[in-house]
């Protein structure tokens, strides 16, 4: 059976045979839904090639990525050209389980409200906070119809850079007014989190760890900075010194697969700040090289995350 027949593309029967080297080697790297989505991508590209008679070039794919929409923190454009391995924990499930018994809840760094809008459960009184002004409007359009107000708050300095002087991160809430605070990939001032958290309340945070985009930096030829393996220890220290008790701590790596250069360019467009010195203009030629090497695809990198769940005594 051909790949495209297996993926549902009967019109491409035989276009990719089961004797293809990709058929033999990719299952070792990808499995289940990840392999199926990669097959679907390849077959849709083959359909386009057979119809148009041309293969999209580097410049065409870059233009496609640059003109593709991106707002809030919505990466859905990448759904058909990338895949991210699930983490050992389910952040949304952890938050939803705590939300079911909470009266009040704050989502810090809500982005465009994407994750909060999809939570299977939320507290009766849920508030979203976002520091970046353009995202406040995006989140409002998504969350206000769900009855969730959105406020603009003060950004906290990156946790790794906090020194107790002008760290920002003030939260516009009364002391002890929130039963649950969730925070996904947003810096936070632990003293402020502790101040507004009610006794018996919970703080759940998932953070991007050091070395998250080192693999992409290496592809670009950018030297990665000297950093510790993780900053989970620092986050635990900040949280416990603020008077909270760590209930759960976990670290994990996850594979992130990019199926073509458009996926890489789009991703870097959204998180260019995560690789110091990167700009498309400066590194366009470095990106052209892997695009021209068919054996380089899919590109698989390692992402790094950690989870902390803490509670306030009382």
C-alpha atoms as a PDB file:
ATOM      1  CA  UNK A   1       0.000   0.000   0.000  1.00  0.00           C
ATOM      2  CA  UNK A   2       1.291   3.475  -0.803  1.00  0.00           C
ATOM      3  CA  UNK A   3       1.714   6.132   1.857  1.00  0.00           C
ATOM      4  CA  UNK A   4      -0.911   8.325   0.227  1.00  0.00           C
ATOM      5  CA  UNK A   5      -3.436   5.516   0.000  1.00  0.00           C
ATOM      6  CA  UNK A   6      -2.902   4.835   3.702  1.00  0.00           C
ATOM      7  CA  UNK A   7      -3.305   8.524   4.470  1.00  0.00           C
ATOM      8  CA  UNK A   8      -6.524   8.728   2.517  1.00  0.00           C
ATOM      9  CA  UNK A   9      -5.187  10.101  -0.757  1.00  0.00           C
ATOM     10  CA  UNK A  10      -6.493   7.549  -3.269  1.00  0.00           C
ATOM     11  CA  UNK A  11      -5.813   9.967  -6.128  1.00  0.00           C
ATOM     12  CA  UNK A  12      -2.097   9.589  -5.437  1.00  0.00           C
ATOM     13  CA  UNK A  13      -2.065   5.783  -5.346  1.00  0.00           C
ATOM     14  CA  UNK A  14       1.454   4.668  -6.044  1.00  0.00           C
ATOM     15  CA  UNK A  15       2.926   8.178  -5.958  1.00  0.00           C
ATOM     16  CA  UNK A  16       4.945   7.160  -2.918  1.00  0.00           C
ATOM     17  CA  UNK A  17       5.584   3.445  -2.717  1.00  0.00           C
ATOM     18  CA  UNK A  18       5.975   1.404   0.448  1.00  0.00           C
ATOM     19  CA  UNK A  19       9.562   0.741  -0.593  1.00  0.00           C
ATOM     20  CA  UNK A  20      10.411   4.427  -0.103  1.00  0.00           C
ATOM     21  CA  UNK A  21      13.358   4.948   2.305  1.00  0.00           C
ATOM     22  CA  UNK A  22      11.125   7.319   4.257  1.00  0.00           C
ATOM     23  CA  UNK A  23       8.668   4.482   4.901  1.00  0.00           C
ATOM     24  CA  UNK A  24      11.453   2.427   6.437  1.00  0.00           C
ATOM     25  CA  UNK A  25      13.117   5.109   8.562  1.00  0.00           C
ATOM     26  CA  UNK A  26      10.405   7.513   9.722  1.00  0.00           C
ATOM     27  CA  UNK A  27       8.454   5.074  11.943  1.00  0.00           C
ATOM     28  CA  UNK A  28      11.532   4.846  14.163  1.00  0.00           C
ATOM     29  CA  UNK A  29      11.193   8.577  14.775  1.00  0.00           C
ATOM     30  CA  UNK A  30       7.468   9.188  14.476  1.00  0.00           C
ATOM     31  CA  UNK A  31       4.515   7.050  15.430  1.00  0.00           C
ATOM     32  CA  UNK A  32       0.745   7.118  15.638  1.00  0.00           C
ATOM     33  CA  UNK A  33      -0.905  10.469  14.952  1.00  0.00           C
ATOM     34  CA  UNK A  34       2.469  12.134  14.389  1.00  0.00           C
ATOM     35  CA  UNK A  35       3.317   9.754  11.548  1.00  0.00           C
ATOM     36  CA  UNK A  36      -0.190  10.068  10.098  1.00  0.00           C
ATOM     37  CA  UNK A  37      -0.024  13.873  10.095  1.00  0.00           C
ATOM     38  CA  UNK A  38       3.380  13.759   8.413  1.00  0.00           C
ATOM     39  CA  UNK A  39       2.000  11.389   5.758  1.00  0.00           C
ATOM     40  CA  UNK A  40      -0.947  13.715   5.177  1.00  0.00           C
ATOM     41  CA  UNK A  41       1.390  16.670   4.761  1.00  0.00           C
ATOM     42  CA  UNK A  42       3.571  14.827   2.236  1.00  0.00           C
ATOM     43  CA  UNK A  43       0.552  13.631   0.292  1.00  0.00           C
ATOM     44  CA  UNK A  44      -1.038  17.087   0.192  1.00  0.00           C
ATOM     45  CA  UNK A  45       2.258  18.484  -1.072  1.00  0.00           C
ATOM     46  CA  UNK A  46       2.444  15.743  -3.713  1.00  0.00           C
ATOM     47  CA  UNK A  47      -1.097  16.579  -4.784  1.00  0.00           C
ATOM     48  CA  UNK A  48      -0.087  20.203  -5.211  1.00  0.00           C
ATOM     49  CA  UNK A  49       3.018  19.252  -7.145  1.00  0.00           C
ATOM     50  CA  UNK A  50       1.103  16.934  -9.472  1.00  0.00           C
ATOM     51  CA  UNK A  51      -1.532  19.607 -10.051  1.00  0.00           C
ATOM     52  CA  UNK A  52       0.818  22.551 -10.533  1.00  0.00           C
ATOM     53  CA  UNK A  53       3.791  20.664 -11.888  1.00  0.00           C
ATOM     54  CA  UNK A  54       6.221  22.544  -9.626  1.00  0.00           C
ATOM     55  CA  UNK A  55       7.782  22.135  -6.198  1.00  0.00           C
ATOM     56  CA  UNK A  56       7.472  25.184  -3.896  1.00  0.00           C
ATOM     57  CA  UNK A  57      10.830  26.946  -3.725  1.00  0.00           C
ATOM     58  CA  UNK A  58      12.584  28.382  -0.710  1.00  0.00           C
ATOM     59  CA  UNK A  59      11.505  31.965  -1.352  1.00  0.00           C
ATOM     60  CA  UNK A  60       7.911  30.897  -1.960  1.00  0.00           C
ATOM     61  CA  UNK A  61       7.774  28.975   1.325  1.00  0.00           C
ATOM     62  CA  UNK A  62       9.378  31.834   3.251  1.00  0.00           C
ATOM     63  CA  UNK A  63       6.839  34.267   1.828  1.00  0.00           C
ATOM     64  CA  UNK A  64       4.030  31.892   2.753  1.00  0.00           C
ATOM     65  CA  UNK A  65       5.286  31.773   6.358  1.00  0.00           C
ATOM     66  CA  UNK A  66       5.785  35.525   6.624  1.00  0.00           C
ATOM     67  CA  UNK A  67       2.317  36.342   5.295  1.00  0.00           C
ATOM     68  CA  UNK A  68       0.527  33.669   7.332  1.00  0.00           C
ATOM     69  CA  UNK A  69      -1.569  35.111  10.180  1.00  0.00           C
ATOM     70  CA  UNK A  70      -0.325  35.146  13.754  1.00  0.00           C
ATOM     71  CA  UNK A  71      -2.026  36.841  16.683  1.00  0.00           C
ATOM     72  CA  UNK A  72      -2.212  36.312  20.414  1.00  0.00           C
ATOM     73  CA  UNK A  73      -0.393  33.046  21.009  1.00  0.00           C
ATOM     74  CA  UNK A  74      -2.104  31.031  18.287  1.00  0.00           C
ATOM     75  CA  UNK A  75       0.180  28.592  16.455  1.00  0.00           C
ATOM     76  CA  UNK A  76      -2.624  26.732  14.684  1.00  0.00           C
ATOM     77  CA  UNK A  77      -1.173  27.572  11.256  1.00  0.00           C
ATOM     78  CA  UNK A  78       1.564  25.068  12.103  1.00  0.00           C
ATOM     79  CA  UNK A  79      -0.838  22.203  12.769  1.00  0.00           C
ATOM     80  CA  UNK A  80      -0.367  20.647   9.314  1.00  0.00           C
ATOM     81  CA  UNK A  81       3.376  21.240   9.074  1.00  0.00           C
ATOM     82  CA  UNK A  82       4.696  20.460  12.551  1.00  0.00           C
ATOM     83  CA  UNK A  83       4.095  18.231  15.543  1.00  0.00           C
ATOM     84  CA  UNK A  84       4.956  18.571  19.233  1.00  0.00           C
ATOM     85  CA  UNK A  85       5.345  15.538  21.436  1.00  0.00           C
ATOM     86  CA  UNK A  86       2.971  15.595  24.443  1.00  0.00           C
ATOM     87  CA  UNK A  87       4.573  16.211  27.819  1.00  0.00           C
ATOM     88  CA  UNK A  88       4.370  13.572  30.570  1.00  0.00           C
ATOM     89  CA  UNK A  89       1.927  15.825  32.414  1.00  0.00           C
ATOM     90  CA  UNK A  90      -1.226  17.537  31.172  1.00  0.00           C
ATOM     91  CA  UNK A  91      -1.098  21.174  32.241  1.00  0.00           C
ATOM     92  CA  UNK A  92      -4.690  21.902  31.236  1.00  0.00           C
ATOM     93  CA  UNK A  93      -5.976  18.859  33.115  1.00  0.00           C
ATOM     94  CA  UNK A  94      -4.052  19.886  36.253  1.00  0.00           C
ATOM     95  CA  UNK A  95      -5.524  23.392  36.107  1.00  0.00           C
ATOM     96  CA  UNK A  96      -9.049  22.192  35.330  1.00  0.00           C
ATOM     97  CA  UNK A  97      -9.021  19.732  38.237  1.00  0.00           C
ATOM     98  CA  UNK A  98      -8.160  22.542  40.663  1.00  0.00           C
ATOM     99  CA  UNK A  99     -10.586  24.963  38.998  1.00  0.00           C
ATOM    100  CA  UNK A 100     -13.543  22.682  39.750  1.00  0.00           C
ATOM    101  CA  UNK A 101     -13.216  23.433  43.463  1.00  0.00           C
ATOM    102  CA  UNK A 102     -12.125  27.080  43.118  1.00  0.00           C
ATOM    103  CA  UNK A 103     -14.386  30.122  43.350  1.00  0.00           C
ATOM    104  CA  UNK A 104     -11.911  32.572  41.822  1.00  0.00           C
ATOM    105  CA  UNK A 105      -9.177  31.986  39.277  1.00  0.00           C
ATOM    106  CA  UNK A 106      -6.544  34.038  37.443  1.00  0.00           C
ATOM    107  CA  UNK A 107      -4.840  33.054  34.196  1.00  0.00           C
ATOM    108  CA  UNK A 108      -1.521  34.923  34.053  1.00  0.00           C
ATOM    109  CA  UNK A 109      -0.020  35.653  30.637  1.00  0.00           C
ATOM    110  CA  UNK A 110      -3.135  34.521  28.820  1.00  0.00           C
ATOM    111  CA  UNK A 111      -1.726  35.522  25.411  1.00  0.00           C
ATOM    112  CA  UNK A 112      -4.728  35.582  23.128  1.00  0.00           C
ATOM    113  CA  UNK A 113      -6.771  33.507  25.588  1.00  0.00           C
ATOM    114  CA  UNK A 114      -6.318  30.373  23.483  1.00  0.00           C
ATOM    115  CA  UNK A 115      -5.473  27.907  26.270  1.00  0.00           C
ATOM    116  CA  UNK A 116      -7.896  29.398  28.793  1.00  0.00           C
ATOM    117  CA  UNK A 117     -10.807  29.258  26.339  1.00  0.00           C
ATOM    118  CA  UNK A 118     -10.210  25.528  25.819  1.00  0.00           C
ATOM    119  CA  UNK A 119      -9.974  24.537  29.493  1.00  0.00           C
ATOM    120  CA  UNK A 120     -12.481  21.789  30.304  1.00  0.00           C
ATOM    121  CA  UNK A 121     -13.343  23.560  33.579  1.00  0.00           C
ATOM    122  CA  UNK A 122     -12.914  27.069  34.973  1.00  0.00           C
ATOM    123  CA  UNK A 123     -13.795  28.734  38.273  1.00  0.00           C
ATOM    124  CA  UNK A 124     -17.118  30.617  38.368  1.00  0.00           C
ATOM    125  CA  UNK A 125     -15.174  33.860  38.596  1.00  0.00           C
ATOM    126  CA  UNK A 126     -12.282  33.610  36.145  1.00  0.00           C
ATOM    127  CA  UNK A 127     -10.093  36.534  35.129  1.00  0.00           C
ATOM    128  CA  UNK A 128      -7.393  36.677  32.458  1.00  0.00           C
ATOM    129  CA  UNK A 129      -4.339  38.934  32.669  1.00  0.00           C
ATOM    130  CA  UNK A 130      -1.951  39.879  29.873  1.00  0.00           C
ATOM    131  CA  UNK A 131       0.939  42.344  29.905  1.00  0.00           C
ATOM    132  CA  UNK A 132       1.498  42.862  26.162  1.00  0.00           C
ATOM    133  CA  UNK A 133      -1.040  45.456  24.946  1.00  0.00           C
ATOM    134  CA  UNK A 134      -1.748  43.963  21.473  1.00  0.00           C
ATOM    135  CA  UNK A 135      -2.666  40.641  23.059  1.00  0.00           C
ATOM    136  CA  UNK A 136      -5.105  42.223  25.508  1.00  0.00           C
ATOM    137  CA  UNK A 137      -7.444  43.101  22.648  1.00  0.00           C
ATOM    138  CA  UNK A 138      -7.023  39.658  21.028  1.00  0.00           C
ATOM    139  CA  UNK A 139      -7.781  37.918  24.332  1.00  0.00           C
ATOM    140  CA  UNK A 140     -10.780  40.158  24.933  1.00  0.00           C
ATOM    141  CA  UNK A 141     -12.377  39.198  21.637  1.00  0.00           C
ATOM    142  CA  UNK A 142     -11.998  35.519  22.484  1.00  0.00           C
ATOM    143  CA  UNK A 143     -12.756  35.527  26.221  1.00  0.00           C
ATOM    144  CA  UNK A 144     -15.362  38.233  26.834  1.00  0.00           C
ATOM    145  CA  UNK A 145     -18.075  36.215  25.028  1.00  0.00           C
ATOM    146  CA  UNK A 146     -17.286  33.431  27.528  1.00  0.00           C
ATOM    147  CA  UNK A 147     -17.849  35.808  30.445  1.00  0.00           C
ATOM    148  CA  UNK A 148     -14.133  36.129  31.226  1.00  0.00           C
ATOM    149  CA  UNK A 149     -12.858  39.693  31.737  1.00  0.00           C
ATOM    150  CA  UNK A 150      -9.358  40.518  30.502  1.00  0.00           C
ATOM    151  CA  UNK A 151      -7.084  43.018  32.238  1.00  0.00           C
ATOM    152  CA  UNK A 152      -3.703  44.412  31.329  1.00  0.00           C
ATOM    153  CA  UNK A 153      -1.226  43.846  34.137  1.00  0.00           C
ATOM    154  CA  UNK A 154       2.404  44.719  34.738  1.00  0.00           C
ATOM    155  CA  UNK A 155       4.970  42.389  33.209  1.00  0.00           C
ATOM    156  CA  UNK A 156       7.425  40.788  35.581  1.00  0.00           C
ATOM    157  CA  UNK A 157      11.103  40.723  34.761  1.00  0.00           C
ATOM    158  CA  UNK A 158      12.269  37.280  33.642  1.00  0.00           C
ATOM    159  CA  UNK A 159      12.546  35.126  36.750  1.00  0.00           C
ATOM    160  CA  UNK A 160      16.191  34.377  35.997  1.00  0.00           C
ATOM    161  CA  UNK A 161      17.000  38.108  36.068  1.00  0.00           C
ATOM    162  CA  UNK A 162      15.052  39.174  39.152  1.00  0.00           C
ATOM    163  CA  UNK A 163      17.134  40.800  41.883  1.00  0.00           C
ATOM    164  CA  UNK A 164      14.517  42.390  44.141  1.00  0.00           C
ATOM    165  CA  UNK A 165      14.861  45.823  42.537  1.00  0.00           C
ATOM    166  CA  UNK A 166      12.270  46.986  39.981  1.00  0.00           C
ATOM    167  CA  UNK A 167      11.223  43.432  39.136  1.00  0.00           C
ATOM    168  CA  UNK A 168       7.689  44.487  38.165  1.00  0.00           C
ATOM    169  CA  UNK A 169       5.000  41.823  38.197  1.00  0.00           C
ATOM    170  CA  UNK A 170       2.528  43.601  40.459  1.00  0.00           C
ATOM    171  CA  UNK A 171      -0.958  42.079  40.369  1.00  0.00           C
ATOM    172  CA  UNK A 172      -3.995  44.386  40.742  1.00  0.00           C
ATOM    173  CA  UNK A 173      -5.875  42.203  43.228  1.00  0.00           C
ATOM    174  CA  UNK A 174      -6.600  42.288  46.949  1.00  0.00           C
ATOM    175  CA  UNK A 175      -4.599  40.150  49.364  1.00  0.00           C
ATOM    176  CA  UNK A 176      -5.877  36.569  49.492  1.00  0.00           C
ATOM    177  CA  UNK A 177      -8.556  37.118  46.843  1.00  0.00           C
ATOM    178  CA  UNK A 178      -7.756  34.272  44.419  1.00  0.00           C
ATOM    179  CA  UNK A 179      -8.222  30.539  44.953  1.00  0.00           C
ATOM    180  CA  UNK A 180      -6.244  29.479  41.888  1.00  0.00           C
ATOM    181  CA  UNK A 181      -3.559  31.114  39.777  1.00  0.00           C
ATOM    182  CA  UNK A 182      -2.371  29.414  36.604  1.00  0.00           C
ATOM    183  CA  UNK A 183       0.596  30.566  34.579  1.00  0.00           C
ATOM    184  CA  UNK A 184       1.808  29.019  31.342  1.00  0.00           C
ATOM    185  CA  UNK A 185       5.130  30.310  30.010  1.00  0.00           C
ATOM    186  CA  UNK A 186       4.871  33.699  31.736  1.00  0.00           C
ATOM    187  CA  UNK A 187       7.352  35.289  34.140  1.00  0.00           C
ATOM    188  CA  UNK A 188       6.001  35.940  37.615  1.00  0.00           C
ATOM    189  CA  UNK A 189       6.908  37.660  40.857  1.00  0.00           C
ATOM    190  CA  UNK A 190       6.461  34.938  43.466  1.00  0.00           C
ATOM    191  CA  UNK A 191       5.839  37.404  46.316  1.00  0.00           C
ATOM    192  CA  UNK A 192       2.911  38.905  44.389  1.00  0.00           C
ATOM    193  CA  UNK A 193       1.506  35.466  43.556  1.00  0.00           C
ATOM    194  CA  UNK A 194       1.658  34.543  47.238  1.00  0.00           C
ATOM    195  CA  UNK A 195       0.107  37.847  48.335  1.00  0.00           C
ATOM    196  CA  UNK A 196      -3.040  37.548  46.188  1.00  0.00           C
ATOM    197  CA  UNK A 197      -3.452  33.783  46.662  1.00  0.00           C
ATOM    198  CA  UNK A 198      -6.016  32.779  49.280  1.00  0.00           C
ATOM    199  CA  UNK A 199      -4.997  30.447  52.114  1.00  0.00           C
ATOM    200  CA  UNK A 200      -5.394  26.916  50.794  1.00  0.00           C
ATOM    201  CA  UNK A 201      -5.169  28.204  47.228  1.00  0.00           C
ATOM    202  CA  UNK A 202      -2.986  26.782  44.451  1.00  0.00           C
ATOM    203  CA  UNK A 203      -0.441  28.104  41.964  1.00  0.00           C
ATOM    204  CA  UNK A 204       0.222  26.058  38.811  1.00  0.00           C
ATOM    205  CA  UNK A 205       2.966  27.108  36.414  1.00  0.00           C
ATOM    206  CA  UNK A 206       4.491  25.491  33.345  1.00  0.00           C
ATOM    207  CA  UNK A 207       7.671  27.189  32.171  1.00  0.00           C
ATOM    208  CA  UNK A 208      10.031  27.055  29.205  1.00  0.00           C
ATOM    209  CA  UNK A 209      13.371  25.808  30.456  1.00  0.00           C
ATOM    210  CA  UNK A 210      16.906  26.700  29.438  1.00  0.00           C
ATOM    211  CA  UNK A 211      18.237  25.330  26.109  1.00  0.00           C
ATOM    212  CA  UNK A 212      14.757  25.216  24.579  1.00  0.00           C
ATOM    213  CA  UNK A 213      15.789  26.365  21.101  1.00  0.00           C
ATOM    214  CA  UNK A 214      19.429  25.292  21.091  1.00  0.00           C
ATOM    215  CA  UNK A 215      18.856  22.846  18.220  1.00  0.00           C
ATOM    216  CA  UNK A 216      17.470  25.578  15.968  1.00  0.00           C
ATOM    217  CA  UNK A 217      20.305  27.886  16.989  1.00  0.00           C
ATOM    218  CA  UNK A 218      22.815  25.239  15.907  1.00  0.00           C
ATOM    219  CA  UNK A 219      21.109  24.882  12.523  1.00  0.00           C
ATOM    220  CA  UNK A 220      21.471  28.636  12.109  1.00  0.00           C
ATOM    221  CA  UNK A 221      25.108  28.571  13.220  1.00  0.00           C
ATOM    222  CA  UNK A 222      24.357  30.742  16.260  1.00  0.00           C
ATOM    223  CA  UNK A 223      26.406  30.075  19.361  1.00  0.00           C
ATOM    224  CA  UNK A 224      24.195  29.227  22.321  1.00  0.00           C
ATOM    225  CA  UNK A 225      24.824  31.055  25.628  1.00  0.00           C
ATOM    226  CA  UNK A 226      26.327  29.311  28.616  1.00  0.00           C
ATOM    227  CA  UNK A 227      23.390  28.407  30.837  1.00  0.00           C
ATOM    228  CA  UNK A 228      22.617  25.905  33.603  1.00  0.00           C
ATOM    229  CA  UNK A 229      20.699  22.773  32.675  1.00  0.00           C
ATOM    230  CA  UNK A 230      17.501  24.139  34.207  1.00  0.00           C
ATOM    231  CA  UNK A 231      16.096  27.018  36.232  1.00  0.00           C
ATOM    232  CA  UNK A 232      13.491  24.894  38.002  1.00  0.00           C
ATOM    233  CA  UNK A 233      15.567  25.084  41.185  1.00  0.00           C
ATOM    234  CA  UNK A 234      15.502  28.882  41.074  1.00  0.00           C
ATOM    235  CA  UNK A 235      11.733  28.891  40.527  1.00  0.00           C
ATOM    236  CA  UNK A 236      11.239  26.517  43.467  1.00  0.00           C
ATOM    237  CA  UNK A 237      13.390  28.758  45.665  1.00  0.00           C
ATOM    238  CA  UNK A 238      11.464  31.898  44.669  1.00  0.00           C
ATOM    239  CA  UNK A 239       8.141  30.187  45.334  1.00  0.00           C
ATOM    240  CA  UNK A 240       9.088  28.708  48.707  1.00  0.00           C
ATOM    241  CA  UNK A 241      10.719  31.938  49.907  1.00  0.00           C
ATOM    242  CA  UNK A 242       7.406  33.637  49.114  1.00  0.00           C
ATOM    243  CA  UNK A 243       5.704  31.327  51.617  1.00  0.00           C
ATOM    244  CA  UNK A 244       4.220  28.702  49.311  1.00  0.00           C
ATOM    245  CA  UNK A 245       4.698  24.945  49.540  1.00  0.00           C
ATOM    246  CA  UNK A 246       5.771  22.934  46.483  1.00  0.00           C
ATOM    247  CA  UNK A 247       3.334  20.064  45.927  1.00  0.00           C
ATOM    248  CA  UNK A 248       4.663  18.801  42.590  1.00  0.00           C
ATOM    249  CA  UNK A 249       7.737  19.418  40.462  1.00  0.00           C
ATOM    250  CA  UNK A 250       8.592  17.836  37.112  1.00  0.00           C
ATOM    251  CA  UNK A 251      10.942  18.413  34.165  1.00  0.00           C
ATOM    252  CA  UNK A 252      10.760  16.971  30.679  1.00  0.00           C
ATOM    253  CA  UNK A 253      12.034  17.258  27.139  1.00  0.00           C
ATOM    254  CA  UNK A 254       9.749  16.953  24.134  1.00  0.00           C
ATOM    255  CA  UNK A 255      10.415  16.398  20.451  1.00  0.00           C
ATOM    256  CA  UNK A 256       9.258  19.138  18.101  1.00  0.00           C
ATOM    257  CA  UNK A 257       9.072  18.226  14.424  1.00  0.00           C
ATOM    258  CA  UNK A 258       9.170  20.758  11.584  1.00  0.00           C
ATOM    259  CA  UNK A 259       8.102  19.388   8.213  1.00  0.00           C
ATOM    260  CA  UNK A 260       9.403  22.150   5.945  1.00  0.00           C
ATOM    261  CA  UNK A 261      11.265  25.451   5.992  1.00  0.00           C
ATOM    262  CA  UNK A 262       8.002  27.404   6.118  1.00  0.00           C
ATOM    263  CA  UNK A 263       7.253  25.834   9.502  1.00  0.00           C
ATOM    264  CA  UNK A 264      10.686  26.829  10.830  1.00  0.00           C
ATOM    265  CA  UNK A 265      10.399  30.406   9.530  1.00  0.00           C
ATOM    266  CA  UNK A 266       6.891  30.819  10.934  1.00  0.00           C
ATOM    267  CA  UNK A 267       7.937  29.519  14.336  1.00  0.00           C
ATOM    268  CA  UNK A 268      10.980  31.795  14.434  1.00  0.00           C
ATOM    269  CA  UNK A 269       8.800  34.724  13.369  1.00  0.00           C
ATOM    270  CA  UNK A 270       6.766  34.218  16.537  1.00  0.00           C
ATOM    271  CA  UNK A 271       9.641  33.558  18.969  1.00  0.00           C
ATOM    272  CA  UNK A 272      12.606  35.337  17.373  1.00  0.00           C
ATOM    273  CA  UNK A 273      13.553  36.781  20.763  1.00  0.00           C
ATOM    274  CA  UNK A 274      14.290  33.271  22.052  1.00  0.00           C
ATOM    275  CA  UNK A 275      17.443  32.991  19.905  1.00  0.00           C
ATOM    276  CA  UNK A 276      19.630  36.036  20.612  1.00  0.00           C
ATOM    277  CA  UNK A 277      20.899  37.629  17.422  1.00  0.00           C
ATOM    278  CA  UNK A 278      18.442  35.916  15.073  1.00  0.00           C
ATOM    279  CA  UNK A 279      16.722  37.769  12.262  1.00  0.00           C
ATOM    280  CA  UNK A 280      15.431  36.344   8.999  1.00  0.00           C
ATOM    281  CA  UNK A 281      17.306  38.976   7.026  1.00  0.00           C
ATOM    282  CA  UNK A 282      20.597  37.989   8.653  1.00  0.00           C
ATOM    283  CA  UNK A 283      20.125  34.220   8.534  1.00  0.00           C
ATOM    284  CA  UNK A 284      18.140  33.722   5.347  1.00  0.00           C
ATOM    285  CA  UNK A 285      21.032  31.993   3.577  1.00  0.00           C
ATOM    286  CA  UNK A 286      21.638  29.689   6.548  1.00  0.00           C
ATOM    287  CA  UNK A 287      17.993  28.611   6.314  1.00  0.00           C
ATOM    288  CA  UNK A 288      18.275  28.070   2.571  1.00  0.00           C
ATOM    289  CA  UNK A 289      20.873  25.312   3.043  1.00  0.00           C
ATOM    290  CA  UNK A 290      18.678  22.836   5.009  1.00  0.00           C
ATOM    291  CA  UNK A 291      15.761  23.558   2.684  1.00  0.00           C
ATOM    292  CA  UNK A 292      17.868  22.348  -0.252  1.00  0.00           C
ATOM    293  CA  UNK A 293      18.815  19.113   1.554  1.00  0.00           C
ATOM    294  CA  UNK A 294      15.880  16.701   1.240  1.00  0.00           C
ATOM    295  CA  UNK A 295      17.510  14.298   3.698  1.00  0.00           C
ATOM    296  CA  UNK A 296      17.318  16.956   6.443  1.00  0.00           C
ATOM    297  CA  UNK A 297      13.508  16.738   6.665  1.00  0.00           C
ATOM    298  CA  UNK A 298      11.665  16.460   8.879  1.00  0.00           C
ATOM    299  CA  UNK A 299      13.792  18.523  11.261  1.00  0.00           C
ATOM    300  CA  UNK A 300      13.323  17.290  14.832  1.00  0.00           C
ATOM    301  CA  UNK A 301      14.408  19.465  17.757  1.00  0.00           C
ATOM    302  CA  UNK A 302      14.165  19.140  21.536  1.00  0.00           C
ATOM    303  CA  UNK A 303      12.060  21.475  23.632  1.00  0.00           C
ATOM    304  CA  UNK A 304      12.383  21.719  27.403  1.00  0.00           C
ATOM    305  CA  UNK A 305       9.657  22.425  29.971  1.00  0.00           C
ATOM    306  CA  UNK A 306       9.016  22.148  33.686  1.00  0.00           C
ATOM    307  CA  UNK A 307       5.897  22.104  35.851  1.00  0.00           C
ATOM    308  CA  UNK A 308       5.450  23.352  39.396  1.00  0.00           C
ATOM    309  CA  UNK A 309       2.331  23.091  41.519  1.00  0.00           C
ATOM    310  CA  UNK A 310       2.380  24.946  44.839  1.00  0.00           C
ATOM    311  CA  UNK A 311      -0.119  25.716  47.583  1.00  0.00           C
ATOM    312  CA  UNK A 312      -0.516  28.424  50.202  1.00  0.00           C
ATOM    313  CA  UNK A 313      -0.756  27.115  53.764  1.00  0.00           C
ATOM    314  CA  UNK A 314      -3.883  27.873  55.702  1.00  0.00           C
END
